[in-house]
Amino acid sequence: MVRMFVRHHVADYPAWRAVYDSIDDTRAGMGVTDHAVFCSIDDERDVTAWHDFDGEGAARAFAASPVLRETMERAGVQGAPQIWFTTSA
């Protein structure tokens, strides 16, 4: 299992969340097996999400996908996201 973390700032959290939720089926079709979203206690526009995958290839393909890039733009992500990958230790 590989977990991909994404941290970014968004213009408006409720608007971002609506777009994020609208691609649930797309995420599953791209190999996401589980996911969760967290907001900073100090600023709900500081968002961190994680997504689980069965392997590294699917995780990296998702991170590089035009679908993800387009969705982030539509959702109001500001600036470049921080993306990193982990596995159980």
N, C-alpha and C. Protein backbone atom coordinates (compact mmCIF):
# COMPACT_ATOMS: atom_id res chain seq x y z
N MET A 1 0.84 -1.18 0.00
CA MET A 1 0.00 0.00 0.00
C MET A 1 0.88 1.23 0.00
N VAL A 2 0.52 2.19 -0.84
CA VAL A 2 1.20 3.48 -0.92
C VAL A 2 0.19 4.56 -0.58
N ARG A 3 0.61 5.49 0.28
CA ARG A 3 -0.24 6.62 0.64
C ARG A 3 0.38 7.89 0.07
N MET A 4 -0.41 8.61 -0.70
CA MET A 4 0.00 9.87 -1.29
C MET A 4 -0.63 11.01 -0.47
N PHE A 5 0.19 11.94 -0.04
CA PHE A 5 -0.30 13.12 0.66
C PHE A 5 -0.24 14.31 -0.29
N VAL A 6 -1.24 15.17 -0.21
CA VAL A 6 -1.28 16.40 -0.99
C VAL A 6 -1.65 17.53 -0.04
N ARG A 7 -0.81 18.56 -0.02
CA ARG A 7 -1.12 19.74 0.80
C ARG A 7 -1.14 20.95 -0.12
N HIS A 8 -2.20 21.75 0.04
CA HIS A 8 -2.30 22.97 -0.75
C HIS A 8 -3.22 23.97 -0.06
N HIS A 9 -3.14 25.19 -0.55
CA HIS A 9 -4.04 26.25 -0.08
C HIS A 9 -5.14 26.40 -1.12
N VAL A 10 -6.35 26.64 -0.64
CA VAL A 10 -7.49 26.80 -1.53
C VAL A 10 -8.13 28.16 -1.30
N ALA A 11 -8.78 28.68 -2.33
CA ALA A 11 -9.41 29.99 -2.23
C ALA A 11 -10.60 29.96 -1.27
N ASP A 12 -11.36 28.87 -1.31
CA ASP A 12 -12.60 28.77 -0.52
C ASP A 12 -12.82 27.29 -0.22
N TYR A 13 -12.75 26.90 1.07
CA TYR A 13 -12.84 25.48 1.40
C TYR A 13 -14.16 24.84 0.97
N PRO A 14 -15.32 25.42 1.28
CA PRO A 14 -16.57 24.75 0.85
C PRO A 14 -16.64 24.54 -0.66
N ALA A 15 -16.18 25.51 -1.43
CA ALA A 15 -16.19 25.35 -2.90
C ALA A 15 -15.20 24.26 -3.31
N TRP A 16 -14.02 24.24 -2.69
CA TRP A 16 -13.04 23.20 -2.99
C TRP A 16 -13.61 21.83 -2.67
N ARG A 17 -14.25 21.71 -1.51
CA ARG A 17 -14.77 20.40 -1.07
C ARG A 17 -15.84 19.88 -2.02
N ALA A 18 -16.67 20.78 -2.52
CA ALA A 18 -17.71 20.35 -3.46
C ALA A 18 -17.09 19.74 -4.72
N VAL A 19 -16.04 20.37 -5.23
CA VAL A 19 -15.37 19.82 -6.42
C VAL A 19 -14.68 18.51 -6.07
N TYR A 20 -13.98 18.46 -4.93
CA TYR A 20 -13.30 17.24 -4.49
C TYR A 20 -14.29 16.08 -4.41
N ASP A 21 -15.42 16.30 -3.77
CA ASP A 21 -16.41 15.24 -3.62
C ASP A 21 -17.03 14.82 -4.95
N SER A 22 -17.06 15.74 -5.91
CA SER A 22 -17.69 15.43 -7.20
C SER A 22 -16.90 14.43 -8.03
N ILE A 23 -15.64 14.17 -7.66
CA ILE A 23 -14.85 13.21 -8.45
C ILE A 23 -14.59 11.91 -7.69
N ASP A 24 -15.44 11.58 -6.74
CA ASP A 24 -15.27 10.32 -5.99
C ASP A 24 -15.13 9.12 -6.93
N ASP A 25 -16.02 9.00 -7.90
CA ASP A 25 -15.98 7.86 -8.82
C ASP A 25 -14.72 7.88 -9.69
N THR A 26 -14.31 9.06 -10.09
CA THR A 26 -13.09 9.20 -10.90
C THR A 26 -11.88 8.74 -10.11
N ARG A 27 -11.79 9.18 -8.84
CA ARG A 27 -10.67 8.75 -7.99
C ARG A 27 -10.62 7.24 -7.88
N ALA A 28 -11.75 6.63 -7.62
CA ALA A 28 -11.80 5.17 -7.48
C ALA A 28 -11.37 4.49 -8.78
N GLY A 29 -11.78 5.02 -9.91
CA GLY A 29 -11.41 4.47 -11.20
C GLY A 29 -9.92 4.61 -11.50
N MET A 30 -9.26 5.54 -10.80
CA MET A 30 -7.83 5.75 -11.00
C MET A 30 -7.00 5.05 -9.93
N GLY A 31 -7.64 4.18 -9.15
CA GLY A 31 -6.90 3.34 -8.22
C GLY A 31 -6.90 3.76 -6.77
N VAL A 32 -7.62 4.84 -6.43
CA VAL A 32 -7.68 5.26 -5.03
C VAL A 32 -8.57 4.28 -4.26
N THR A 33 -8.00 3.67 -3.23
CA THR A 33 -8.74 2.69 -2.43
C THR A 33 -9.31 3.28 -1.15
N ASP A 34 -8.77 4.40 -0.71
CA ASP A 34 -9.28 5.10 0.48
C ASP A 34 -8.71 6.51 0.45
N HIS A 35 -9.35 7.41 1.16
CA HIS A 35 -8.87 8.80 1.20
C HIS A 35 -9.50 9.54 2.37
N ALA A 36 -8.88 10.64 2.74
CA ALA A 36 -9.41 11.50 3.80
C ALA A 36 -8.87 12.91 3.58
N VAL A 37 -9.58 13.89 4.15
CA VAL A 37 -9.22 15.29 4.02
C VAL A 37 -9.12 15.90 5.41
N PHE A 38 -8.11 16.75 5.58
CA PHE A 38 -7.90 17.46 6.84
C PHE A 38 -7.65 18.93 6.56
N CYS A 39 -8.11 19.79 7.45
CA CYS A 39 -7.84 21.23 7.36
C CYS A 39 -7.05 21.65 8.59
N SER A 40 -6.20 22.63 8.40
CA SER A 40 -5.46 23.19 9.52
C SER A 40 -6.44 23.78 10.54
N ILE A 41 -6.12 23.63 11.80
CA ILE A 41 -6.94 24.22 12.86
C ILE A 41 -6.97 25.74 12.73
N ASP A 42 -5.88 26.31 12.26
CA ASP A 42 -5.76 27.76 12.18
C ASP A 42 -6.32 28.36 10.89
N ASP A 43 -6.46 27.55 9.84
CA ASP A 43 -6.89 28.08 8.55
C ASP A 43 -7.50 26.95 7.72
N GLU A 44 -8.82 26.95 7.58
CA GLU A 44 -9.49 25.86 6.85
C GLU A 44 -9.10 25.84 5.37
N ARG A 45 -8.46 26.89 4.88
CA ARG A 45 -8.03 26.91 3.49
C ARG A 45 -6.69 26.21 3.29
N ASP A 46 -6.06 25.79 4.39
CA ASP A 46 -4.82 25.00 4.34
C ASP A 46 -5.24 23.54 4.45
N VAL A 47 -5.28 22.86 3.31
CA VAL A 47 -5.89 21.53 3.20
C VAL A 47 -4.81 20.47 2.95
N THR A 48 -4.91 19.35 3.67
CA THR A 48 -4.08 18.18 3.41
C THR A 48 -5.01 17.00 3.18
N ALA A 49 -4.80 16.30 2.08
CA ALA A 49 -5.58 15.09 1.78
C ALA A 49 -4.61 13.94 1.59
N TRP A 50 -5.06 12.74 1.98
CA TRP A 50 -4.27 11.56 1.64
C TRP A 50 -5.13 10.61 0.82
N HIS A 51 -4.44 9.86 -0.04
CA HIS A 51 -5.09 8.89 -0.92
C HIS A 51 -4.27 7.61 -0.88
N ASP A 52 -4.93 6.48 -0.68
CA ASP A 52 -4.26 5.18 -0.66
C ASP A 52 -4.39 4.49 -2.02
N PHE A 53 -3.34 3.75 -2.37
CA PHE A 53 -3.27 2.99 -3.63
C PHE A 53 -2.66 1.62 -3.33
N ASP A 54 -2.92 0.67 -4.21
CA ASP A 54 -2.32 -0.65 -4.05
C ASP A 54 -0.83 -0.65 -4.36
N GLY A 55 -0.37 0.31 -5.16
CA GLY A 55 1.05 0.33 -5.50
C GLY A 55 1.53 1.70 -5.91
N GLU A 56 2.84 1.83 -6.02
CA GLU A 56 3.47 3.10 -6.35
C GLU A 56 3.09 3.60 -7.75
N GLY A 57 3.00 2.69 -8.70
CA GLY A 57 2.68 3.10 -10.07
C GLY A 57 1.36 3.83 -10.16
N ALA A 58 0.34 3.28 -9.52
CA ALA A 58 -0.98 3.92 -9.55
C ALA A 58 -0.95 5.27 -8.84
N ALA A 59 -0.22 5.36 -7.74
CA ALA A 59 -0.12 6.61 -6.99
C ALA A 59 0.55 7.70 -7.83
N ARG A 60 1.65 7.35 -8.46
CA ARG A 60 2.38 8.34 -9.27
C ARG A 60 1.59 8.73 -10.52
N ALA A 61 0.88 7.78 -11.11
CA ALA A 61 0.04 8.08 -12.27
C ALA A 61 -1.08 9.04 -11.89
N PHE A 62 -1.68 8.83 -10.74
CA PHE A 62 -2.74 9.72 -10.27
C PHE A 62 -2.18 11.12 -10.05
N ALA A 63 -1.04 11.21 -9.39
CA ALA A 63 -0.44 12.52 -9.09
C ALA A 63 -0.09 13.28 -10.37
N ALA A 64 0.28 12.58 -11.42
CA ALA A 64 0.68 13.22 -12.67
C ALA A 64 -0.46 13.40 -13.65
N SER A 65 -1.64 12.95 -13.31
CA SER A 65 -2.74 12.94 -14.27
C SER A 65 -3.28 14.34 -14.58
N PRO A 66 -3.63 14.56 -15.84
CA PRO A 66 -4.28 15.82 -16.21
C PRO A 66 -5.61 16.01 -15.47
N VAL A 67 -6.28 14.91 -15.16
CA VAL A 67 -7.55 14.99 -14.43
C VAL A 67 -7.34 15.65 -13.08
N LEU A 68 -6.30 15.24 -12.36
CA LEU A 68 -6.02 15.84 -11.05
C LEU A 68 -5.67 17.31 -11.20
N ARG A 69 -4.83 17.64 -12.15
CA ARG A 69 -4.43 19.03 -12.37
C ARG A 69 -5.65 19.90 -12.70
N GLU A 70 -6.49 19.42 -13.61
CA GLU A 70 -7.69 20.16 -14.00
C GLU A 70 -8.65 20.33 -12.82
N THR A 71 -8.80 19.29 -12.04
CA THR A 71 -9.70 19.35 -10.89
C THR A 71 -9.20 20.35 -9.86
N MET A 72 -7.89 20.36 -9.61
CA MET A 72 -7.33 21.33 -8.67
C MET A 72 -7.58 22.76 -9.13
N GLU A 73 -7.40 23.00 -10.42
CA GLU A 73 -7.65 24.34 -10.96
C GLU A 73 -9.11 24.73 -10.78
N ARG A 74 -10.00 23.83 -11.12
CA ARG A 74 -11.44 24.08 -11.01
C ARG A 74 -11.86 24.30 -9.57
N ALA A 75 -11.16 23.64 -8.64
CA ALA A 75 -11.52 23.72 -7.22
C ALA A 75 -10.95 24.95 -6.52
N GLY A 76 -10.09 25.69 -7.19
CA GLY A 76 -9.55 26.90 -6.58
C GLY A 76 -8.27 26.71 -5.79
N VAL A 77 -7.48 25.68 -6.15
CA VAL A 77 -6.19 25.50 -5.48
C VAL A 77 -5.29 26.67 -5.86
N GLN A 78 -4.64 27.23 -4.86
CA GLN A 78 -3.76 28.38 -5.07
C GLN A 78 -2.31 27.93 -4.95
N GLY A 79 -1.51 28.22 -5.97
CA GLY A 79 -0.11 27.84 -5.95
C GLY A 79 0.08 26.36 -6.24
N ALA A 80 1.34 25.95 -6.18
CA ALA A 80 1.69 24.55 -6.44
C ALA A 80 1.45 23.71 -5.19
N PRO A 81 0.83 22.55 -5.35
CA PRO A 81 0.63 21.67 -4.19
C PRO A 81 1.93 20.99 -3.79
N GLN A 82 2.02 20.61 -2.53
CA GLN A 82 3.10 19.73 -2.06
C GLN A 82 2.55 18.31 -2.14
N ILE A 83 3.27 17.42 -2.81
CA ILE A 83 2.83 16.03 -2.96
C ILE A 83 3.99 15.14 -2.56
N TRP A 84 3.69 14.16 -1.68
CA TRP A 84 4.71 13.17 -1.31
C TRP A 84 4.06 11.82 -1.10
N PHE A 85 4.89 10.78 -1.19
CA PHE A 85 4.42 9.39 -1.15
C PHE A 85 5.07 8.67 0.03
N THR A 86 4.30 7.81 0.68
CA THR A 86 4.82 7.04 1.81
C THR A 86 4.34 5.59 1.68
N THR A 87 4.97 4.73 2.46
CA THR A 87 4.54 3.35 2.59
C THR A 87 4.73 2.95 4.05
N SER A 88 4.09 1.90 4.48
CA SER A 88 4.20 1.45 5.87
C SER A 88 5.64 1.11 6.20
N ALA A 89 6.04 1.46 7.40
CA ALA A 89 7.41 1.19 7.85
C ALA A 89 7.39 0.12 8.94
